[in-house]
Amino acid sequence: MTDHINIDNPVIAFTDNTPSSTEPTTTLIKHLPTQGMSRATQLLPFLPFGSTTLWAWSRDGRFPAPVKLSPTMTAWHNDDVIAWLNDPTSAINSEV
């Protein structure tokens, strides 16, 4: 049996640099923006502790206080977090 090869329309493999739909797309933040606010999941990569400590320290004044944006959304001011990261002892809440 003879294989039929169509030489009039050769198949050329096409590749490009776009990610395929099966690959997960992630946005990496290399630094915490100085302005704006961030939620806990956005802050945790920059902090030397986990979420339980974040909430406990925010409650007792060892970490900047969060702002309640809605009944289900809480965020921290980025400039407060950056100040705390630069000097953890100077950003203790006096409100608590």
C-alpha atoms as a PDB file:
ATOM      1  CA  MET A   1       0.000   0.000   0.000  1.00  0.00           C
ATOM      2  CA  THR A   2       1.285   3.404  -0.895  1.00  0.00           C
ATOM      3  CA  ASP A   3       0.998   6.363   1.480  1.00  0.00           C
ATOM      4  CA  HIS A   4      -0.493   9.410  -0.178  1.00  0.00           C
ATOM      5  CA  ILE A   5       1.395  12.591   0.471  1.00  0.00           C
ATOM      6  CA  ASN A   6      -0.043  15.822  -0.754  1.00  0.00           C
ATOM      7  CA  ILE A   7       2.973  17.902  -1.733  1.00  0.00           C
ATOM      8  CA  ASP A   8       0.790  20.765  -3.006  1.00  0.00           C
ATOM      9  CA  ASN A   9      -0.270  21.656   0.573  1.00  0.00           C
ATOM     10  CA  PRO A  10       2.550  20.670   2.885  1.00  0.00           C
ATOM     11  CA  VAL A  11       1.796  20.769   6.572  1.00  0.00           C
ATOM     12  CA  ILE A  12       3.992  23.248   8.365  1.00  0.00           C
ATOM     13  CA  ALA A  13       4.000  23.235  12.118  1.00  0.00           C
ATOM     14  CA  PHE A  14       3.004  26.645  13.404  1.00  0.00           C
ATOM     15  CA  THR A  15       4.245  27.774  16.770  1.00  0.00           C
ATOM     16  CA  ASP A  16       3.946  31.100  18.466  1.00  0.00           C
ATOM     17  CA  ASN A  17       4.883  32.571  21.813  1.00  0.00           C
ATOM     18  CA  THR A  18       1.349  32.983  23.135  1.00  0.00           C
ATOM     19  CA  PRO A  19       0.399  30.814  26.110  1.00  0.00           C
ATOM     20  CA  SER A  20      -1.979  28.005  25.397  1.00  0.00           C
ATOM     21  CA  SER A  21      -5.380  27.973  27.034  1.00  0.00           C
ATOM     22  CA  THR A  22      -4.382  24.999  29.191  1.00  0.00           C
ATOM     23  CA  GLU A  23      -1.546  26.862  30.912  1.00  0.00           C
ATOM     24  CA  PRO A  24      -2.516  28.866  33.982  1.00  0.00           C
ATOM     25  CA  THR A  25      -1.936  32.575  33.714  1.00  0.00           C
ATOM     26  CA  THR A  26      -0.684  34.398  36.769  1.00  0.00           C
ATOM     27  CA  THR A  27       0.286  37.966  37.396  1.00  0.00           C
ATOM     28  CA  LEU A  28       3.369  38.271  39.524  1.00  0.00           C
ATOM     29  CA  ILE A  29       3.810  41.355  41.667  1.00  0.00           C
ATOM     30  CA  LYS A  30       7.430  41.958  42.496  1.00  0.00           C
ATOM     31  CA  HIS A  31       6.733  44.716  44.993  1.00  0.00           C
ATOM     32  CA  LEU A  32       3.904  46.134  47.053  1.00  0.00           C
ATOM     33  CA  PRO A  33       2.607  49.386  45.502  1.00  0.00           C
ATOM     34  CA  THR A  34       3.135  52.396  47.748  1.00  0.00           C
ATOM     35  CA  GLN A  35      -0.341  53.756  47.089  1.00  0.00           C
ATOM     36  CA  GLY A  36      -3.709  52.088  47.403  1.00  0.00           C
ATOM     37  CA  MET A  37      -4.938  49.213  49.486  1.00  0.00           C
ATOM     38  CA  SER A  38      -4.383  45.467  49.486  1.00  0.00           C
ATOM     39  CA  ARG A  39      -6.334  42.530  50.832  1.00  0.00           C
ATOM     40  CA  ALA A  40      -4.811  39.842  53.029  1.00  0.00           C
ATOM     41  CA  THR A  41      -4.087  37.439  50.171  1.00  0.00           C
ATOM     42  CA  GLN A  42      -2.191  40.201  48.362  1.00  0.00           C
ATOM     43  CA  LEU A  43      -0.143  41.107  51.453  1.00  0.00           C
ATOM     44  CA  LEU A  44       0.824  37.641  52.657  1.00  0.00           C
ATOM     45  CA  PRO A  45       3.631  37.084  50.092  1.00  0.00           C
ATOM     46  CA  PHE A  46       5.400  40.146  51.536  1.00  0.00           C
ATOM     47  CA  LEU A  47       4.923  39.316  55.213  1.00  0.00           C
ATOM     48  CA  PRO A  48       7.114  37.075  57.379  1.00  0.00           C
ATOM     49  CA  PHE A  49       4.051  35.322  58.854  1.00  0.00           C
ATOM     50  CA  GLY A  50       0.760  33.740  57.850  1.00  0.00           C
ATOM     51  CA  SER A  51      -2.856  34.837  57.760  1.00  0.00           C
ATOM     52  CA  THR A  52      -3.682  33.846  61.339  1.00  0.00           C
ATOM     53  CA  THR A  53      -0.882  36.043  62.666  1.00  0.00           C
ATOM     54  CA  LEU A  54      -1.883  38.862  60.298  1.00  0.00           C
ATOM     55  CA  TRP A  55      -5.398  38.969  61.734  1.00  0.00           C
ATOM     56  CA  ALA A  56      -4.263  38.529  65.357  1.00  0.00           C
ATOM     57  CA  TRP A  57      -1.563  41.204  65.137  1.00  0.00           C
ATOM     58  CA  SER A  58      -3.951  43.592  63.351  1.00  0.00           C
ATOM     59  CA  ARG A  59      -6.442  43.086  66.176  1.00  0.00           C
ATOM     60  CA  ASP A  60      -3.976  43.631  69.021  1.00  0.00           C
ATOM     61  CA  GLY A  61      -2.031  46.522  67.457  1.00  0.00           C
ATOM     62  CA  ARG A  62       1.225  44.852  66.455  1.00  0.00           C
ATOM     63  CA  PHE A  63       0.365  45.354  62.758  1.00  0.00           C
ATOM     64  CA  PRO A  64      -1.470  48.256  61.071  1.00  0.00           C
ATOM     65  CA  ALA A  65      -5.236  48.149  61.413  1.00  0.00           C
ATOM     66  CA  PRO A  66      -7.273  47.100  58.386  1.00  0.00           C
ATOM     67  CA  VAL A  67     -10.154  49.057  56.897  1.00  0.00           C
ATOM     68  CA  LYS A  68     -13.542  47.390  56.513  1.00  0.00           C
ATOM     69  CA  LEU A  69     -14.605  48.179  52.915  1.00  0.00           C
ATOM     70  CA  SER A  70     -17.804  46.140  53.010  1.00  0.00           C
ATOM     71  CA  PRO A  71     -19.304  43.428  55.224  1.00  0.00           C
ATOM     72  CA  THR A  72     -17.145  40.840  53.453  1.00  0.00           C
ATOM     73  CA  MET A  73     -14.088  42.844  52.355  1.00  0.00           C
ATOM     74  CA  THR A  74     -11.214  44.107  54.477  1.00  0.00           C
ATOM     75  CA  ALA A  75      -8.028  45.760  53.223  1.00  0.00           C
ATOM     76  CA  TRP A  76      -4.904  47.452  54.541  1.00  0.00           C
ATOM     77  CA  HIS A  77      -3.365  50.735  53.379  1.00  0.00           C
ATOM     78  CA  ASN A  78      -0.213  49.813  51.475  1.00  0.00           C
ATOM     79  CA  ASP A  79       1.763  52.767  52.860  1.00  0.00           C
ATOM     80  CA  ASP A  80       1.026  51.604  56.437  1.00  0.00           C
ATOM     81  CA  VAL A  81       2.160  48.068  55.618  1.00  0.00           C
ATOM     82  CA  ILE A  82       5.349  49.314  53.931  1.00  0.00           C
ATOM     83  CA  ALA A  83       6.130  51.513  56.957  1.00  0.00           C
ATOM     84  CA  TRP A  84       5.626  48.476  59.214  1.00  0.00           C
ATOM     85  CA  LEU A  85       7.870  46.310  57.011  1.00  0.00           C
ATOM     86  CA  ASN A  86      10.615  48.956  57.201  1.00  0.00           C
ATOM     87  CA  ASP A  87      10.342  49.246  61.005  1.00  0.00           C
ATOM     88  CA  PRO A  88       7.924  46.832  62.710  1.00  0.00           C
ATOM     89  CA  THR A  89       8.244  48.567  66.102  1.00  0.00           C
ATOM     90  CA  SER A  90       7.295  52.059  64.891  1.00  0.00           C
ATOM     91  CA  ALA A  91       3.924  51.263  63.284  1.00  0.00           C
ATOM     92  CA  ILE A  92       2.107  50.055  66.381  1.00  0.00           C
ATOM     93  CA  ASN A  93      -1.519  51.186  66.487  1.00  0.00           C
ATOM     94  CA  SER A  94      -2.292  53.699  69.180  1.00  0.00           C
ATOM     95  CA  GLU A  95      -6.032  53.289  68.565  1.00  0.00           C
ATOM     96  CA  VAL A  96      -6.298  49.818  70.076  1.00  0.00           C
END
